Structure formats: structure tokens, C-alpha cells
Amino acid sequence: MKAEQRITELESRLAFQDDTIQALNDVLVAQQRELDRLQLQVAALARRQDELGGQLDAAEDEAPPPHY
């Protein structure tokens, strides 16, 4: 293979690799955004569960026992 053909082949491979790396980076960024969003949702749900659990505990403490 001539040097010019080899250089053309290498340039072609480099361009393909650049496109692949960019596509992978785009996917990674999207996944990180989704992960961040899901972590915020889990934290909000945990806070809500704690709040509702505290309300339930307070209501149970005030209720008379079932045998009365």
C-alpha cells in the first residue's frame, strides 16, 4: 500500500473514531442527567416518606387501643 493510501485510510479511521467518541459522550451525558434526576426523585420520596411516617406515628400514639 502506498503512503498516500495509508494516510487516507488512517484519516478515515480517525474521523470514524471521532464520531464514535462523540456519540458515546452524548449518551454518557444523557445518562448522567437521568441519574441526577432520579437521585433527586429518590431523595424527595425519602423526605416525603419520613414526613408521612412521622404523621402516622403521631396519629397512632393518640388513638385509643382497639379493645376500648
C-alpha atoms as a PDB file:
ATOM      1  CA  MET A   1       0.000   0.000   0.000  1.00  0.00           C
ATOM      2  CA  LYS A   2       1.308   3.423  -0.857  1.00  0.00           C
ATOM      3  CA  ALA A   3       1.916   6.032   1.809  1.00  0.00           C
ATOM      4  CA  GLU A   4      -0.859   8.236   0.455  1.00  0.00           C
ATOM      5  CA  GLN A   5      -3.379   5.381   0.646  1.00  0.00           C
ATOM      6  CA  ARG A   6      -2.287   4.570   4.188  1.00  0.00           C
ATOM      7  CA  ILE A   7      -2.685   8.192   5.249  1.00  0.00           C
ATOM      8  CA  THR A   8      -6.150   8.330   3.667  1.00  0.00           C
ATOM      9  CA  GLU A   9      -7.128   5.135   5.492  1.00  0.00           C
ATOM     10  CA  LEU A  10      -5.821   6.496   8.802  1.00  0.00           C
ATOM     11  CA  GLU A  11      -7.682   9.767   8.322  1.00  0.00           C
ATOM     12  CA  SER A  12     -10.859   7.849   7.589  1.00  0.00           C
ATOM     13  CA  ARG A  13     -10.461   5.724  10.730  1.00  0.00           C
ATOM     14  CA  LEU A  14      -9.739   8.811  12.814  1.00  0.00           C
ATOM     15  CA  ALA A  15     -12.886  10.528  11.565  1.00  0.00           C
ATOM     16  CA  PHE A  16     -14.956   7.430  12.366  1.00  0.00           C
ATOM     17  CA  GLN A  17     -13.421   7.182  15.843  1.00  0.00           C
ATOM     18  CA  ASP A  18     -14.104  10.866  16.497  1.00  0.00           C
ATOM     19  CA  ASP A  19     -17.759  10.353  15.561  1.00  0.00           C
ATOM     20  CA  THR A  20     -17.985   7.275  17.776  1.00  0.00           C
ATOM     21  CA  ILE A  21     -16.398   9.056  20.736  1.00  0.00           C
ATOM     22  CA  GLN A  22     -18.775  11.992  20.343  1.00  0.00           C
ATOM     23  CA  ALA A  23     -21.786   9.664  20.177  1.00  0.00           C
ATOM     24  CA  LEU A  24     -20.628   7.824  23.307  1.00  0.00           C
ATOM     25  CA  ASN A  25     -20.074  11.118  25.101  1.00  0.00           C
ATOM     26  CA  ASP A  26     -23.582  12.287  24.188  1.00  0.00           C
ATOM     27  CA  VAL A  27     -25.050   9.082  25.613  1.00  0.00           C
ATOM     28  CA  LEU A  28     -22.963   9.406  28.764  1.00  0.00           C
ATOM     29  CA  VAL A  29     -24.122  12.995  29.314  1.00  0.00           C
ATOM     30  CA  ALA A  30     -27.761  11.967  28.843  1.00  0.00           C
ATOM     31  CA  GLN A  31     -27.366   9.084  31.288  1.00  0.00           C
ATOM     32  CA  GLN A  32     -25.771  11.354  33.891  1.00  0.00           C
ATOM     33  CA  ARG A  33     -28.648  13.827  33.575  1.00  0.00           C
ATOM     34  CA  GLU A  34     -31.142  10.995  34.006  1.00  0.00           C
ATOM     35  CA  LEU A  35     -29.214   9.669  37.015  1.00  0.00           C
ATOM     36  CA  ASP A  36     -29.187  13.129  38.610  1.00  0.00           C
ATOM     37  CA  ARG A  37     -32.939  13.465  38.041  1.00  0.00           C
ATOM     38  CA  LEU A  38     -33.636  10.037  39.530  1.00  0.00           C
ATOM     39  CA  GLN A  39     -31.468  10.774  42.574  1.00  0.00           C
ATOM     40  CA  LEU A  40     -33.462  13.959  43.213  1.00  0.00           C
ATOM     41  CA  GLN A  41     -36.709  11.994  42.933  1.00  0.00           C
ATOM     42  CA  VAL A  42     -35.500   9.333  45.366  1.00  0.00           C
ATOM     43  CA  ALA A  43     -34.415  11.987  47.850  1.00  0.00           C
ATOM     44  CA  ALA A  44     -37.814  13.718  47.569  1.00  0.00           C
ATOM     45  CA  LEU A  45     -39.622  10.414  48.064  1.00  0.00           C
ATOM     46  CA  ALA A  46     -37.484   9.596  51.105  1.00  0.00           C
ATOM     47  CA  ARG A  47     -38.293  13.004  52.646  1.00  0.00           C
ATOM     48  CA  ARG A  48     -41.987  12.509  51.945  1.00  0.00           C
ATOM     49  CA  GLN A  49     -41.921   9.039  53.466  1.00  0.00           C
ATOM     50  CA  ASP A  50     -40.238  10.404  56.592  1.00  0.00           C
ATOM     51  CA  GLU A  51     -42.850  13.165  56.856  1.00  0.00           C
ATOM     52  CA  LEU A  52     -45.767  10.794  56.380  1.00  0.00           C
ATOM     53  CA  GLY A  53     -44.226   8.250  58.740  1.00  0.00           C
ATOM     54  CA  GLY A  54     -43.966  10.906  61.443  1.00  0.00           C
ATOM     55  CA  GLN A  55     -47.603  11.877  60.943  1.00  0.00           C
ATOM     56  CA  LEU A  56     -48.681   8.251  61.114  1.00  0.00           C
ATOM     57  CA  ASP A  57     -46.721   7.655  64.310  1.00  0.00           C
ATOM     58  CA  ALA A  58     -48.286  10.731  65.922  1.00  0.00           C
ATOM     59  CA  ALA A  59     -51.806   9.629  64.920  1.00  0.00           C
ATOM     60  CA  GLU A  60     -51.237   6.115  66.282  1.00  0.00           C
ATOM     61  CA  ASP A  61     -49.981   7.463  69.617  1.00  0.00           C
ATOM     62  CA  GLU A  62     -53.201   9.465  70.122  1.00  0.00           C
ATOM     63  CA  ALA A  63     -55.654   6.760  69.110  1.00  0.00           C
ATOM     64  CA  PRO A  64     -57.171   4.616  71.866  1.00  0.00           C
ATOM     65  CA  PRO A  65     -56.294   0.934  71.874  1.00  0.00           C
ATOM     66  CA  PRO A  66     -58.651  -1.216  69.773  1.00  0.00           C
ATOM     67  CA  HIS A  67     -60.113  -3.091  72.769  1.00  0.00           C
ATOM     68  CA  TYR A  68     -61.721   0.032  74.292  1.00  0.00           C
END
